[in-house]
Amino acid sequence: MRSRFAIFFVALALLQILGGHLAIFQVAAWAGMLVKYSAAEGVEVGISKTFDGKHPCDICLGIAKTKQTEKRETSPVDAAKIYLMAPGRSLTLQPPVHSWLLMATYAPLLGCDSSPLVPPPRVS
């Protein structure tokens, strides 16, 4: 249940960041314009007036104004100041200074008896 809410809110935030809210308003404005123009002059003229760009409604003008202000608010970043890569470093592998040879001793294994301490149970 929690993950559904998280996915919903992440999708909502992503929609907001990418400007999807303006796209939703634009689709709603087109639908309203299509209904208004089609009722007055027919479907073919309504579709052409809706999408020709010469007959915008108040919502379309507001969306265009919002897009222009969002474009102006973003400041251009100088490309020379962006460092995408970290400075490279030379890496060389050195052999270890101390080499410790491990001597395998079999002394603990010599006192080991391989027979079990308790005999296995017999089937009666």
PDB file of N, CA and C in Angstrom:
ATOM      1  N   MET A   1       0.822  -1.189   0.000  1.00  0.00           N
ATOM      2  CA  MET A   1       0.000   0.000   0.000  1.00  0.00           C
ATOM      3  C   MET A   1       0.865   1.251   0.000  1.00  0.00           C
ATOM      4  N   ARG A   2       1.936   1.213   0.783  1.00  0.00           N
ATOM      5  CA  ARG A   2       2.810   2.376   0.841  1.00  0.00           C
ATOM      6  C   ARG A   2       3.509   2.620  -0.488  1.00  0.00           C
ATOM      7  N   SER A   3       3.858   1.556  -1.165  1.00  0.00           N
ATOM      8  CA  SER A   3       4.575   1.732  -2.418  1.00  0.00           C
ATOM      9  C   SER A   3       3.669   2.338  -3.481  1.00  0.00           C
ATOM     10  N   ARG A   4       2.377   2.053  -3.448  1.00  0.00           N
ATOM     11  CA  ARG A   4       1.463   2.679  -4.412  1.00  0.00           C
ATOM     12  C   ARG A   4       1.408   4.183  -4.204  1.00  0.00           C
ATOM     13  N   PHE A   5       1.351   4.603  -2.949  1.00  0.00           N
ATOM     14  CA  PHE A   5       1.363   6.035  -2.672  1.00  0.00           C
ATOM     15  C   PHE A   5       2.672   6.653  -3.099  1.00  0.00           C
ATOM     16  N   ALA A   6       3.765   5.968  -2.850  1.00  0.00           N
ATOM     17  CA  ALA A   6       5.077   6.495  -3.227  1.00  0.00           C
ATOM     18  C   ALA A   6       5.190   6.625  -4.741  1.00  0.00           C
ATOM     19  N   ILE A   7       4.744   5.617  -5.457  1.00  0.00           N
ATOM     20  CA  ILE A   7       4.794   5.680  -6.925  1.00  0.00           C
ATOM     21  C   ILE A   7       3.911   6.814  -7.434  1.00  0.00           C
ATOM     22  N   PHE A   8       2.744   6.966  -6.839  1.00  0.00           N
ATOM     23  CA  PHE A   8       1.843   8.037  -7.254  1.00  0.00           C
ATOM     24  C   PHE A   8       2.475   9.408  -7.029  1.00  0.00           C
ATOM     25  N   PHE A   9       3.072   9.619  -5.863  1.00  0.00           N
ATOM     26  CA  PHE A   9       3.655  10.924  -5.575  1.00  0.00           C
ATOM     27  C   PHE A   9       4.923  11.180  -6.387  1.00  0.00           C
ATOM     28  N   VAL A  10       5.677  10.156  -6.676  1.00  0.00           N
ATOM     29  CA  VAL A  10       6.853  10.328  -7.537  1.00  0.00           C
ATOM     30  C   VAL A  10       6.415  10.683  -8.949  1.00  0.00           C
ATOM     31  N   ALA A  11       5.386  10.016  -9.446  1.00  0.00           N
ATOM     32  CA  ALA A  11       4.875  10.329 -10.780  1.00  0.00           C
ATOM     33  C   ALA A  11       4.314  11.744 -10.828  1.00  0.00           C
ATOM     34  N   LEU A  12       3.639  12.148  -9.763  1.00  0.00           N
ATOM     35  CA  LEU A  12       3.099  13.500  -9.692  1.00  0.00           C
ATOM     36  C   LEU A  12       4.214  14.542  -9.659  1.00  0.00           C
ATOM     37  N   ALA A  13       5.274  14.267  -8.900  1.00  0.00           N
ATOM     38  CA  ALA A  13       6.407  15.193  -8.851  1.00  0.00           C
ATOM     39  C   ALA A  13       7.120  15.266 -10.193  1.00  0.00           C
ATOM     40  N   LEU A  14       7.256  14.135 -10.855  1.00  0.00           N
ATOM     41  CA  LEU A  14       7.898  14.111 -12.162  1.00  0.00           C
ATOM     42  C   LEU A  14       7.068  14.878 -13.183  1.00  0.00           C
ATOM     43  N   LEU A  15       5.768  14.730 -13.112  1.00  0.00           N
ATOM     44  CA  LEU A  15       4.877  15.483 -13.998  1.00  0.00           C
ATOM     45  C   LEU A  15       5.037  16.986 -13.773  1.00  0.00           C
ATOM     46  N   GLN A  16       5.147  17.390 -12.518  1.00  0.00           N
ATOM     47  CA  GLN A  16       5.312  18.805 -12.194  1.00  0.00           C
ATOM     48  C   GLN A  16       6.651  19.340 -12.681  1.00  0.00           C
ATOM     49  N   ILE A  17       7.715  18.571 -12.479  1.00  0.00           N
ATOM     50  CA  ILE A  17       9.049  19.027 -12.859  1.00  0.00           C
ATOM     51  C   ILE A  17       9.173  19.162 -14.373  1.00  0.00           C
ATOM     52  N   LEU A  18       8.585  18.240 -15.110  1.00  0.00           N
ATOM     53  CA  LEU A  18       8.703  18.253 -16.568  1.00  0.00           C
ATOM     54  C   LEU A  18       7.703  19.188 -17.241  1.00  0.00           C
ATOM     55  N   GLY A  19       6.869  19.849 -16.481  1.00  0.00           N
ATOM     56  CA  GLY A  19       5.911  20.781 -17.068  1.00  0.00           C
ATOM     57  C   GLY A  19       4.657  20.096 -17.569  1.00  0.00           C
ATOM     58  N   GLY A  20       4.358  18.947 -17.052  1.00  0.00           N
ATOM     59  CA  GLY A  20       3.184  18.200 -17.481  1.00  0.00           C
ATOM     60  C   GLY A  20       1.884  18.878 -17.104  1.00  0.00           C
ATOM     61  N   HIS A  21       1.922  19.667 -16.049  1.00  0.00           N
ATOM     62  CA  HIS A  21       0.702  20.370 -15.646  1.00  0.00           C
ATOM     63  C   HIS A  21       0.259  21.333 -16.747  1.00  0.00           C
ATOM     64  N   LEU A  22       1.229  21.955 -17.432  1.00  0.00           N
ATOM     65  CA  LEU A  22       0.863  22.842 -18.534  1.00  0.00           C
ATOM     66  C   LEU A  22       0.293  22.053 -19.712  1.00  0.00           C
ATOM     67  N   ALA A  23       0.804  20.863 -19.936  1.00  0.00           N
ATOM     68  CA  ALA A  23       0.279  20.024 -21.008  1.00  0.00           C
ATOM     69  C   ALA A  23      -1.164  19.609 -20.699  1.00  0.00           C
ATOM     70  N   ILE A  24      -1.440  19.301 -19.441  1.00  0.00           N
ATOM     71  CA  ILE A  24      -2.806  18.929 -19.056  1.00  0.00           C
ATOM     72  C   ILE A  24      -3.755  20.110 -19.258  1.00  0.00           C
ATOM     73  N   PHE A  25      -3.313  21.317 -18.853  1.00  0.00           N
ATOM     74  CA  PHE A  25      -4.142  22.509 -19.067  1.00  0.00           C
ATOM     75  C   PHE A  25      -4.344  22.779 -20.556  1.00  0.00           C
ATOM     76  N   GLN A  26      -3.307  22.552 -21.369  1.00  0.00           N
ATOM     77  CA  GLN A  26      -3.414  22.789 -22.807  1.00  0.00           C
ATOM     78  C   GLN A  26      -4.426  21.836 -23.439  1.00  0.00           C
ATOM     79  N   VAL A  27      -4.397  20.574 -23.043  1.00  0.00           N
ATOM     80  CA  VAL A  27      -5.368  19.600 -23.572  1.00  0.00           C
ATOM     81  C   VAL A  27      -6.782  19.990 -23.162  1.00  0.00           C
ATOM     82  N   ALA A  28      -6.938  20.441 -21.928  1.00  0.00           N
ATOM     83  CA  ALA A  28      -8.269  20.879 -21.476  1.00  0.00           C
ATOM     84  C   ALA A  28      -8.720  22.110 -22.268  1.00  0.00           C
ATOM     85  N   ALA A  29      -7.796  23.032 -22.543  1.00  0.00           N
ATOM     86  CA  ALA A  29      -8.150  24.220 -23.326  1.00  0.00           C
ATOM     87  C   ALA A  29      -8.536  23.837 -24.751  1.00  0.00           C
ATOM     88  N   TRP A  30      -7.797  22.919 -25.356  1.00  0.00           N
ATOM     89  CA  TRP A  30      -8.141  22.468 -26.707  1.00  0.00           C
ATOM     90  C   TRP A  30      -9.513  21.815 -26.731  1.00  0.00           C
ATOM     91  N   ALA A  31      -9.818  21.009 -25.731  1.00  0.00           N
ATOM     92  CA  ALA A  31     -11.126  20.357 -25.676  1.00  0.00           C
ATOM     93  C   ALA A  31     -12.238  21.396 -25.565  1.00  0.00           C
ATOM     94  N   GLY A  32     -12.032  22.384 -24.724  1.00  0.00           N
ATOM     95  CA  GLY A  32     -13.034  23.444 -24.583  1.00  0.00           C
ATOM     96  C   GLY A  32     -13.200  24.251 -25.859  1.00  0.00           C
ATOM     97  N   MET A  33     -12.076  24.563 -26.513  1.00  0.00           N
ATOM     98  CA  MET A  33     -12.152  25.315 -27.765  1.00  0.00           C
ATOM     99  C   MET A  33     -12.842  24.496 -28.850  1.00  0.00           C
ATOM    100  N   LEU A  34     -12.539  23.203 -28.890  1.00  0.00           N
ATOM    101  CA  LEU A  34     -13.138  22.330 -29.900  1.00  0.00           C
ATOM    102  C   LEU A  34     -14.653  22.264 -29.734  1.00  0.00           C
ATOM    103  N   VAL A  35     -15.104  22.157 -28.502  1.00  0.00           N
ATOM    104  CA  VAL A  35     -16.545  22.124 -28.238  1.00  0.00           C
ATOM    105  C   VAL A  35     -17.180  23.458 -28.601  1.00  0.00           C
ATOM    106  N   LYS A  36     -16.544  24.556 -28.213  1.00  0.00           N
ATOM    107  CA  LYS A  36     -17.114  25.887 -28.457  1.00  0.00           C
ATOM    108  C   LYS A  36     -17.182  26.208 -29.950  1.00  0.00           C
ATOM    109  N   TYR A  37     -16.081  25.987 -30.667  1.00  0.00           N
ATOM    110  CA  TYR A  37     -16.060  26.305 -32.100  1.00  0.00           C
ATOM    111  C   TYR A  37     -16.922  25.342 -32.908  1.00  0.00           C
ATOM    112  N   SER A  38     -16.965  24.060 -32.521  1.00  0.00           N
ATOM    113  CA  SER A  38     -17.774  23.089 -33.253  1.00  0.00           C
ATOM    114  C   SER A  38     -19.263  23.351 -33.075  1.00  0.00           C
ATOM    115  N   ALA A  39     -19.670  23.806 -31.906  1.00  0.00           N
ATOM    116  CA  ALA A  39     -21.082  24.092 -31.664  1.00  0.00           C
ATOM    117  C   ALA A  39     -21.540  25.287 -32.501  1.00  0.00           C
ATOM    118  N   ALA A  40     -20.641  26.243 -32.705  1.00  0.00           N
ATOM    119  CA  ALA A  40     -21.028  27.447 -33.431  1.00  0.00           C
ATOM    120  C   ALA A  40     -20.957  27.258 -34.946  1.00  0.00           C
ATOM    121  N   GLU A  41     -19.919  26.580 -35.457  1.00  0.00           N
ATOM    122  CA  GLU A  41     -19.701  26.579 -36.908  1.00  0.00           C
ATOM    123  C   GLU A  41     -19.518  25.189 -37.516  1.00  0.00           C
ATOM    124  N   GLY A  42     -19.629  24.139 -36.768  1.00  0.00           N
ATOM    125  CA  GLY A  42     -19.473  22.797 -37.313  1.00  0.00           C
ATOM    126  C   GLY A  42     -18.149  22.176 -36.882  1.00  0.00           C
ATOM    127  N   VAL A  43     -18.069  20.846 -37.027  1.00  0.00           N
ATOM    128  CA  VAL A  43     -16.909  20.107 -36.524  1.00  0.00           C
ATOM    129  C   VAL A  43     -15.652  20.429 -37.312  1.00  0.00           C
ATOM    130  N   GLU A  44     -15.742  20.468 -38.646  1.00  0.00           N
ATOM    131  CA  GLU A  44     -14.551  20.712 -39.464  1.00  0.00           C
ATOM    132  C   GLU A  44     -13.955  22.083 -39.197  1.00  0.00           C
ATOM    133  N   VAL A  45     -14.764  23.098 -39.138  1.00  0.00           N
ATOM    134  CA  VAL A  45     -14.283  24.460 -38.856  1.00  0.00           C
ATOM    135  C   VAL A  45     -13.807  24.553 -37.409  1.00  0.00           C
ATOM    136  N   GLY A  46     -14.485  23.852 -36.520  1.00  0.00           N
ATOM    137  CA  GLY A  46     -14.074  23.867 -35.114  1.00  0.00           C
ATOM    138  C   GLY A  46     -12.689  23.268 -34.921  1.00  0.00           C
ATOM    139  N   ILE A  47     -12.415  22.148 -35.616  1.00  0.00           N
ATOM    140  CA  ILE A  47     -11.087  21.535 -35.506  1.00  0.00           C
ATOM    141  C   ILE A  47     -10.019  22.448 -36.104  1.00  0.00           C
ATOM    142  N   SER A  48     -10.306  23.039 -37.258  1.00  0.00           N
ATOM    143  CA  SER A  48      -9.302  23.909 -37.884  1.00  0.00           C
ATOM    144  C   SER A  48      -9.042  25.163 -37.052  1.00  0.00           C
ATOM    145  N   LYS A  49     -10.078  25.763 -36.478  1.00  0.00           N
ATOM    146  CA  LYS A  49      -9.872  26.950 -35.641  1.00  0.00           C
ATOM    147  C   LYS A  49      -9.157  26.613 -34.335  1.00  0.00           C
ATOM    148  N   THR A  50      -9.403  25.412 -33.814  1.00  0.00           N
ATOM    149  CA  THR A  50      -8.767  25.025 -32.558  1.00  0.00           C
ATOM    150  C   THR A  50      -7.260  24.884 -32.710  1.00  0.00           C
ATOM    151  N   PHE A  51      -6.826  24.285 -33.808  1.00  0.00           N
ATOM    152  CA  PHE A  51      -5.409  23.949 -33.936  1.00  0.00           C
ATOM    153  C   PHE A  51      -4.634  24.831 -34.913  1.00  0.00           C
ATOM    154  N   ASP A  52      -5.230  25.905 -35.440  1.00  0.00           N
ATOM    155  CA  ASP A  52      -4.475  26.744 -36.374  1.00  0.00           C
ATOM    156  C   ASP A  52      -3.581  27.763 -35.668  1.00  0.00           C
ATOM    157  N   GLY A  53      -3.848  28.079 -34.420  1.00  0.00           N
ATOM    158  CA  GLY A  53      -3.012  29.011 -33.674  1.00  0.00           C
ATOM    159  C   GLY A  53      -3.418  30.462 -33.846  1.00  0.00           C
ATOM    160  N   LYS A  54      -4.381  30.742 -34.693  1.00  0.00           N
ATOM    161  CA  LYS A  54      -4.825  32.124 -34.925  1.00  0.00           C
ATOM    162  C   LYS A  54      -5.990  32.517 -34.021  1.00  0.00           C
ATOM    163  N   HIS A  55      -6.599  31.549 -33.375  1.00  0.00           N
ATOM    164  CA  HIS A  55      -7.759  31.810 -32.523  1.00  0.00           C
ATOM    165  C   HIS A  55      -7.532  31.243 -31.117  1.00  0.00           C
ATOM    166  N   PRO A  56      -6.547  31.736 -30.369  1.00  0.00           N
ATOM    167  CA  PRO A  56      -6.294  31.172 -29.036  1.00  0.00           C
ATOM    168  C   PRO A  56      -7.336  31.663 -28.022  1.00  0.00           C
ATOM    169  N   CYS A  57      -7.581  30.816 -27.037  1.00  0.00           N
ATOM    170  CA  CYS A  57      -8.489  31.204 -25.966  1.00  0.00           C
ATOM    171  C   CYS A  57      -7.671  31.821 -24.817  1.00  0.00           C
ATOM    172  N   ASP A  58      -8.357  32.227 -23.760  1.00  0.00           N
ATOM    173  CA  ASP A  58      -7.674  32.844 -22.616  1.00  0.00           C
ATOM    174  C   ASP A  58      -6.725  31.861 -21.930  1.00  0.00           C
ATOM    175  N   ILE A  59      -7.126  30.600 -21.849  1.00  0.00           N
ATOM    176  CA  ILE A  59      -6.275  29.596 -21.197  1.00  0.00           C
ATOM    177  C   ILE A  59      -5.003  29.376 -22.012  1.00  0.00           C
ATOM    178  N   CYS A  60      -5.145  29.325 -23.346  1.00  0.00           N
ATOM    179  CA  CYS A  60      -3.960  29.150 -24.205  1.00  0.00           C
ATOM    180  C   CYS A  60      -3.000  30.320 -24.065  1.00  0.00           C
ATOM    181  N   LEU A  61      -3.524  31.523 -23.985  1.00  0.00           N
ATOM    182  CA  LEU A  61      -2.664  32.705 -23.811  1.00  0.00           C
ATOM    183  C   LEU A  61      -1.963  32.671 -22.458  1.00  0.00           C
ATOM    184  N   GLY A  62      -2.676  32.239 -21.421  1.00  0.00           N
ATOM    185  CA  GLY A  62      -2.061  32.123 -20.095  1.00  0.00           C
ATOM    186  C   GLY A  62      -0.962  31.072 -20.061  1.00  0.00           C
ATOM    187  N   ILE A  63      -1.175  29.952 -20.753  1.00  0.00           N
ATOM    188  CA  ILE A  63      -0.155  28.896 -20.804  1.00  0.00           C
ATOM    189  C   ILE A  63       1.071  29.390 -21.552  1.00  0.00           C
ATOM    190  N   ALA A  64       0.866  30.093 -22.662  1.00  0.00           N
ATOM    191  CA  ALA A  64       2.006  30.631 -23.424  1.00  0.00           C
ATOM    192  C   ALA A  64       2.784  31.645 -22.589  1.00  0.00           C
ATOM    193  N   LYS A  65       2.073  32.472 -21.831  1.00  0.00           N
ATOM    194  CA  LYS A  65       2.740  33.459 -20.977  1.00  0.00           C
ATOM    195  C   LYS A  65       3.544  32.755 -19.881  1.00  0.00           C
ATOM    196  N   THR A  66       2.985  31.701 -19.287  1.00  0.00           N
ATOM    197  CA  THR A  66       3.686  30.944 -18.246  1.00  0.00           C
ATOM    198  C   THR A  66       4.937  30.282 -18.802  1.00  0.00           C
ATOM    199  N   LYS A  67       4.847  29.721 -20.007  1.00  0.00           N
ATOM    200  CA  LYS A  67       6.024  29.093 -20.624  1.00  0.00           C
ATOM    201  C   LYS A  67       7.124  30.117 -20.879  1.00  0.00           C
ATOM    202  N   GLN A  68       6.745  31.325 -21.297  1.00  0.00           N
ATOM    203  CA  GLN A  68       7.749  32.364 -21.544  1.00  0.00           C
ATOM    204  C   GLN A  68       8.428  32.809 -20.253  1.00  0.00           C
ATOM    205  N   THR A  69       7.666  32.934 -19.172  1.00  0.00           N
ATOM    206  CA  THR A  69       8.284  33.338 -17.906  1.00  0.00           C
ATOM    207  C   THR A  69       9.180  32.245 -17.357  1.00  0.00           C
ATOM    208  N   GLU A  70       8.805  30.970 -17.572  1.00  0.00           N
ATOM    209  CA  GLU A  70       9.666  29.879 -17.115  1.00  0.00           C
ATOM    210  C   GLU A  70      10.966  29.839 -17.907  1.00  0.00           C
ATOM    211  N   LYS A  71      10.911  30.146 -19.181  1.00  0.00           N
ATOM    212  CA  LYS A  71      12.130  30.176 -19.990  1.00  0.00           C
ATOM    213  C   LYS A  71      13.047  31.313 -19.565  1.00  0.00           C
ATOM    214  N   ARG A  72      12.476  32.458 -19.213  1.00  0.00           N
ATOM    215  CA  ARG A  72      13.293  33.596 -18.795  1.00  0.00           C
ATOM    216  C   ARG A  72      13.925  33.390 -17.425  1.00  0.00           C
ATOM    217  N   GLU A  73      13.235  32.655 -16.549  1.00  0.00           N
ATOM    218  CA  GLU A  73      13.741  32.466 -15.195  1.00  0.00           C
ATOM    219  C   GLU A  73      14.964  31.568 -15.138  1.00  0.00           C
ATOM    220  N   THR A  74      15.113  30.673 -16.101  1.00  0.00           N
ATOM    221  CA  THR A  74      16.277  29.803 -16.098  1.00  0.00           C
ATOM    222  C   THR A  74      17.479  30.590 -16.588  1.00  0.00           C
ATOM    223  N   SER A  75      18.541  30.574 -15.809  1.00  0.00           N
ATOM    224  CA  SER A  75      19.732  31.320 -16.185  1.00  0.00           C
ATOM    225  C   SER A  75      20.653  30.429 -17.009  1.00  0.00           C
ATOM    226  N   PRO A  76      21.244  31.009 -18.031  1.00  0.00           N
ATOM    227  CA  PRO A  76      22.169  30.206 -18.834  1.00  0.00           C
ATOM    228  C   PRO A  76      23.437  29.893 -18.041  1.00  0.00           C
ATOM    229  N   VAL A  77      23.909  28.696 -18.141  1.00  0.00           N
ATOM    230  CA  VAL A  77      25.104  28.264 -17.423  1.00  0.00           C
ATOM    231  C   VAL A  77      26.255  28.253 -18.414  1.00  0.00           C
ATOM    232  N   ASP A  78      27.357  28.848 -18.009  1.00  0.00           N
ATOM    233  CA  ASP A  78      28.527  28.881 -18.868  1.00  0.00           C
ATOM    234  C   ASP A  78      29.071  27.465 -19.028  1.00  0.00           C
ATOM    235  N   ALA A  79      29.236  27.039 -20.269  1.00  0.00           N
ATOM    236  CA  ALA A  79      29.682  25.666 -20.530  1.00  0.00           C
ATOM    237  C   ALA A  79      31.108  25.439 -20.049  1.00  0.00           C
ATOM    238  N   ALA A  80      31.889  26.490 -19.935  1.00  0.00           N
ATOM    239  CA  ALA A  80      33.274  26.330 -19.484  1.00  0.00           C
ATOM    240  C   ALA A  80      33.345  26.012 -17.994  1.00  0.00           C
ATOM    241  N   LYS A  81      32.301  26.318 -17.248  1.00  0.00           N
ATOM    242  CA  LYS A  81      32.311  26.080 -15.803  1.00  0.00           C
ATOM    243  C   LYS A  81      31.806  24.690 -15.426  1.00  0.00           C
ATOM    244  N   ILE A  82      31.319  23.959 -16.375  1.00  0.00           N
ATOM    245  CA  ILE A  82      30.796  22.631 -16.072  1.00  0.00           C
ATOM    246  C   ILE A  82      31.922  21.621 -16.223  1.00  0.00           C
ATOM    247  N   TYR A  83      32.211  20.918 -15.134  1.00  0.00           N
ATOM    248  CA  TYR A  83      33.234  19.889 -15.158  1.00  0.00           C
ATOM    249  C   TYR A  83      32.532  18.545 -14.984  1.00  0.00           C
ATOM    250  N   LEU A  84      32.430  17.806 -16.066  1.00  0.00           N
ATOM    251  CA  LEU A  84      31.707  16.554 -16.015  1.00  0.00           C
ATOM    252  C   LEU A  84      32.575  15.377 -15.610  1.00  0.00           C
ATOM    253  N   MET A  85      33.885  15.539 -15.728  1.00  0.00           N
ATOM    254  CA  MET A  85      34.767  14.422 -15.406  1.00  0.00           C
ATOM    255  C   MET A  85      35.715  14.829 -14.287  1.00  0.00           C
ATOM    256  N   ALA A  86      35.993  13.899 -13.433  1.00  0.00           N
ATOM    257  CA  ALA A  86      36.959  14.133 -12.369  1.00  0.00           C
ATOM    258  C   ALA A  86      38.362  14.071 -12.980  1.00  0.00           C
ATOM    259  N   PRO A  87      39.316  14.790 -12.395  1.00  0.00           N
ATOM    260  CA  PRO A  87      40.665  14.710 -12.932  1.00  0.00           C
ATOM    261  C   PRO A  87      41.209  13.292 -12.811  1.00  0.00           C
ATOM    262  N   GLY A  88      41.867  12.840 -13.852  1.00  0.00           N
ATOM    263  CA  GLY A  88      42.382  11.477 -13.868  1.00  0.00           C
ATOM    264  C   GLY A  88      43.623  11.333 -13.006  1.00  0.00           C
ATOM    265  N   ARG A  89      43.768  10.219 -12.386  1.00  0.00           N
ATOM    266  CA  ARG A  89      44.940   9.936 -11.566  1.00  0.00           C
ATOM    267  C   ARG A  89      45.594   8.665 -12.079  1.00  0.00           C
ATOM    268  N   SER A  90      46.899   8.651 -11.990  1.00  0.00           N
ATOM    269  CA  SER A  90      47.628   7.473 -12.398  1.00  0.00           C
ATOM    270  C   SER A  90      47.633   6.487 -11.237  1.00  0.00           C
ATOM    271  N   LEU A  91      47.289   5.269 -11.527  1.00  0.00           N
ATOM    272  CA  LEU A  91      47.221   4.255 -10.496  1.00  0.00           C
ATOM    273  C   LEU A  91      48.121   3.103 -10.906  1.00  0.00           C
ATOM    274  N   THR A  92      49.066   2.801 -10.053  1.00  0.00           N
ATOM    275  CA  THR A  92      49.951   1.676 -10.323  1.00  0.00           C
ATOM    276  C   THR A  92      49.870   0.704  -9.167  1.00  0.00           C
ATOM    277  N   LEU A  93      49.935  -0.550  -9.472  1.00  0.00           N
ATOM    278  CA  LEU A  93      49.891  -1.582  -8.448  1.00  0.00           C
ATOM    279  C   LEU A  93      51.316  -1.967  -8.063  1.00  0.00           C
ATOM    280  N   GLN A  94      51.561  -2.017  -6.784  1.00  0.00           N
ATOM    281  CA  GLN A  94      52.879  -2.369  -6.273  1.00  0.00           C
ATOM    282  C   GLN A  94      52.793  -3.725  -5.572  1.00  0.00           C
ATOM    283  N   PRO A  95      53.854  -4.504  -5.650  1.00  0.00           N
ATOM    284  CA  PRO A  95      53.826  -5.772  -4.918  1.00  0.00           C
ATOM    285  C   PRO A  95      53.885  -5.507  -3.420  1.00  0.00           C
ATOM    286  N   PRO A  96      53.394  -6.421  -2.610  1.00  0.00           N
ATOM    287  CA  PRO A  96      53.412  -6.203  -1.163  1.00  0.00           C
ATOM    288  C   PRO A  96      54.846  -6.143  -0.641  1.00  0.00           C
ATOM    289  N   VAL A  97      55.029  -5.330   0.396  1.00  0.00           N
ATOM    290  CA  VAL A  97      56.354  -5.158   0.982  1.00  0.00           C
ATOM    291  C   VAL A  97      56.749  -6.413   1.748  1.00  0.00           C
ATOM    292  N   HIS A  98      55.846  -6.957   2.525  1.00  0.00           N
ATOM    293  CA  HIS A  98      56.128  -8.148   3.317  1.00  0.00           C
ATOM    294  C   HIS A  98      55.414  -9.333   2.703  1.00  0.00           C
ATOM    295  N   SER A  99      56.154 -10.369   2.512  1.00  0.00           N
ATOM    296  CA  SER A  99      55.557 -11.593   2.004  1.00  0.00           C
ATOM    297  C   SER A  99      55.626 -12.626   3.115  1.00  0.00           C
ATOM    298  N   TRP A 100      54.516 -13.079   3.563  1.00  0.00           N
ATOM    299  CA  TRP A 100      54.478 -14.043   4.644  1.00  0.00           C
ATOM    300  C   TRP A 100      54.104 -15.396   4.064  1.00  0.00           C
ATOM    301  N   LEU A 101      54.991 -16.314   4.218  1.00  0.00           N
ATOM    302  CA  LEU A 101      54.703 -17.658   3.755  1.00  0.00           C
ATOM    303  C   LEU A 101      54.038 -18.422   4.889  1.00  0.00           C
ATOM    304  N   LEU A 102      52.936 -18.981   4.611  1.00  0.00           N
ATOM    305  CA  LEU A 102      52.234 -19.752   5.623  1.00  0.00           C
ATOM    306  C   LEU A 102      52.671 -21.203   5.498  1.00  0.00           C
ATOM    307  N   MET A 103      53.211 -21.695   6.549  1.00  0.00           N
ATOM    308  CA  MET A 103      53.652 -23.090   6.555  1.00  0.00           C
ATOM    309  C   MET A 103      52.487 -23.953   7.027  1.00  0.00           C
ATOM    310  N   ALA A 104      52.131 -24.890   6.215  1.00  0.00           N
ATOM    311  CA  ALA A 104      51.042 -25.778   6.574  1.00  0.00           C
ATOM    312  C   ALA A 104      51.580 -26.871   7.472  1.00  0.00           C
ATOM    313  N   THR A 105      51.036 -26.990   8.624  1.00  0.00           N
ATOM    314  CA  THR A 105      51.443 -28.039   9.555  1.00  0.00           C
ATOM    315  C   THR A 105      50.323 -29.056   9.666  1.00  0.00           C
ATOM    316  N   TYR A 106      50.694 -30.284   9.694  1.00  0.00           N
ATOM    317  CA  TYR A 106      49.722 -31.353   9.790  1.00  0.00           C
ATOM    318  C   TYR A 106      49.647 -31.931  11.206  1.00  0.00           C
ATOM    319  N   ALA A 107      50.301 -31.302  12.162  1.00  0.00           N
ATOM    320  CA  ALA A 107      50.342 -31.821  13.525  1.00  0.00           C
ATOM    321  C   ALA A 107      48.959 -31.934  14.155  1.00  0.00           C
ATOM    322  N   PRO A 108      48.071 -30.951  14.004  1.00  0.00           N
ATOM    323  CA  PRO A 108      46.751 -31.102  14.622  1.00  0.00           C
ATOM    324  C   PRO A 108      45.942 -32.221  13.985  1.00  0.00           C
ATOM    325  N   LEU A 109      46.223 -32.534  12.742  1.00  0.00           N
ATOM    326  CA  LEU A 109      45.443 -33.576  12.078  1.00  0.00           C
ATOM    327  C   LEU A 109      45.926 -34.986  12.419  1.00  0.00           C
ATOM    328  N   LEU A 110      47.149 -35.104  12.880  1.00  0.00           N
ATOM    329  CA  LEU A 110      47.682 -36.432  13.164  1.00  0.00           C
ATOM    330  C   LEU A 110      47.015 -37.081  14.370  1.00  0.00           C
ATOM    331  N   GLY A 111      46.613 -36.283  15.350  1.00  0.00           N
ATOM    332  CA  GLY A 111      45.985 -36.839  16.541  1.00  0.00           C
ATOM    333  C   GLY A 111      44.508 -37.078  16.345  1.00  0.00           C
ATOM    334  N   CYS A 112      43.987 -36.816  15.193  1.00  0.00           N
ATOM    335  CA  CYS A 112      42.553 -36.940  14.919  1.00  0.00           C
ATOM    336  C   CYS A 112      42.219 -38.383  14.557  1.00  0.00           C
ATOM    337  N   ASP A 113      41.183 -38.900  15.168  1.00  0.00           N
ATOM    338  CA  ASP A 113      40.721 -40.243  14.864  1.00  0.00           C
ATOM    339  C   ASP A 113      39.489 -40.108  13.977  1.00  0.00           C
ATOM    340  N   SER A 114      39.414 -40.865  12.917  1.00  0.00           N
ATOM    341  CA  SER A 114      38.315 -40.729  11.978  1.00  0.00           C
ATOM    342  C   SER A 114      37.085 -41.540  12.362  1.00  0.00           C
ATOM    343  N   SER A 115      37.182 -42.368  13.415  1.00  0.00           N
ATOM    344  CA  SER A 115      36.010 -43.153  13.800  1.00  0.00           C
ATOM    345  C   SER A 115      35.078 -42.313  14.657  1.00  0.00           C
ATOM    346  N   PRO A 116      33.768 -42.503  14.542  1.00  0.00           N
ATOM    347  CA  PRO A 116      32.826 -41.720  15.328  1.00  0.00           C
ATOM    348  C   PRO A 116      32.910 -42.087  16.800  1.00  0.00           C
ATOM    349  N   LEU A 117      32.577 -41.146  17.650  1.00  0.00           N
ATOM    350  CA  LEU A 117      32.636 -41.374  19.079  1.00  0.00           C
ATOM    351  C   LEU A 117      31.536 -42.329  19.543  1.00  0.00           C
ATOM    352  N   VAL A 118      30.370 -42.209  18.949  1.00  0.00           N
ATOM    353  CA  VAL A 118      29.225 -43.044  19.326  1.00  0.00           C
ATOM    354  C   VAL A 118      28.840 -43.856  18.093  1.00  0.00           C
ATOM    355  N   PRO A 119      28.670 -45.152  18.230  1.00  0.00           N
ATOM    356  CA  PRO A 119      28.291 -45.939  17.058  1.00  0.00           C
ATOM    357  C   PRO A 119      26.873 -45.557  16.611  1.00  0.00           C
ATOM    358  N   PRO A 120      26.588 -45.663  15.335  1.00  0.00           N
ATOM    359  CA  PRO A 120      25.248 -45.298  14.854  1.00  0.00           C
ATOM    360  C   PRO A 120      24.203 -46.264  15.364  1.00  0.00           C
ATOM    361  N   PRO A 121      22.942 -45.837  15.486  1.00  0.00           N
ATOM    362  CA  PRO A 121      21.887 -46.726  15.985  1.00  0.00           C
ATOM    363  C   PRO A 121      21.599 -47.835  14.975  1.00  0.00           C
ATOM    364  N   ARG A 122      21.235 -48.976  15.515  1.00  0.00           N
ATOM    365  CA  ARG A 122      20.934 -50.132  14.665  1.00  0.00           C
ATOM    366  C   ARG A 122      19.427 -50.247  14.492  1.00  0.00           C
ATOM    367  N   VAL A 123      19.064 -50.778  13.341  1.00  0.00           N
ATOM    368  CA  VAL A 123      17.646 -50.963  13.047  1.00  0.00           C
ATOM    369  C   VAL A 123      17.190 -52.239  13.742  1.00  0.00           C
ATOM    370  N   SER A 124      16.108 -52.196  14.488  1.00  0.00           N
ATOM    371  CA  SER A 124      15.682 -53.384  15.201  1.00  0.00           C
ATOM    372  C   SER A 124      14.562 -54.093  14.497  1.00  0.00           C
TER     373      SER A 124
END
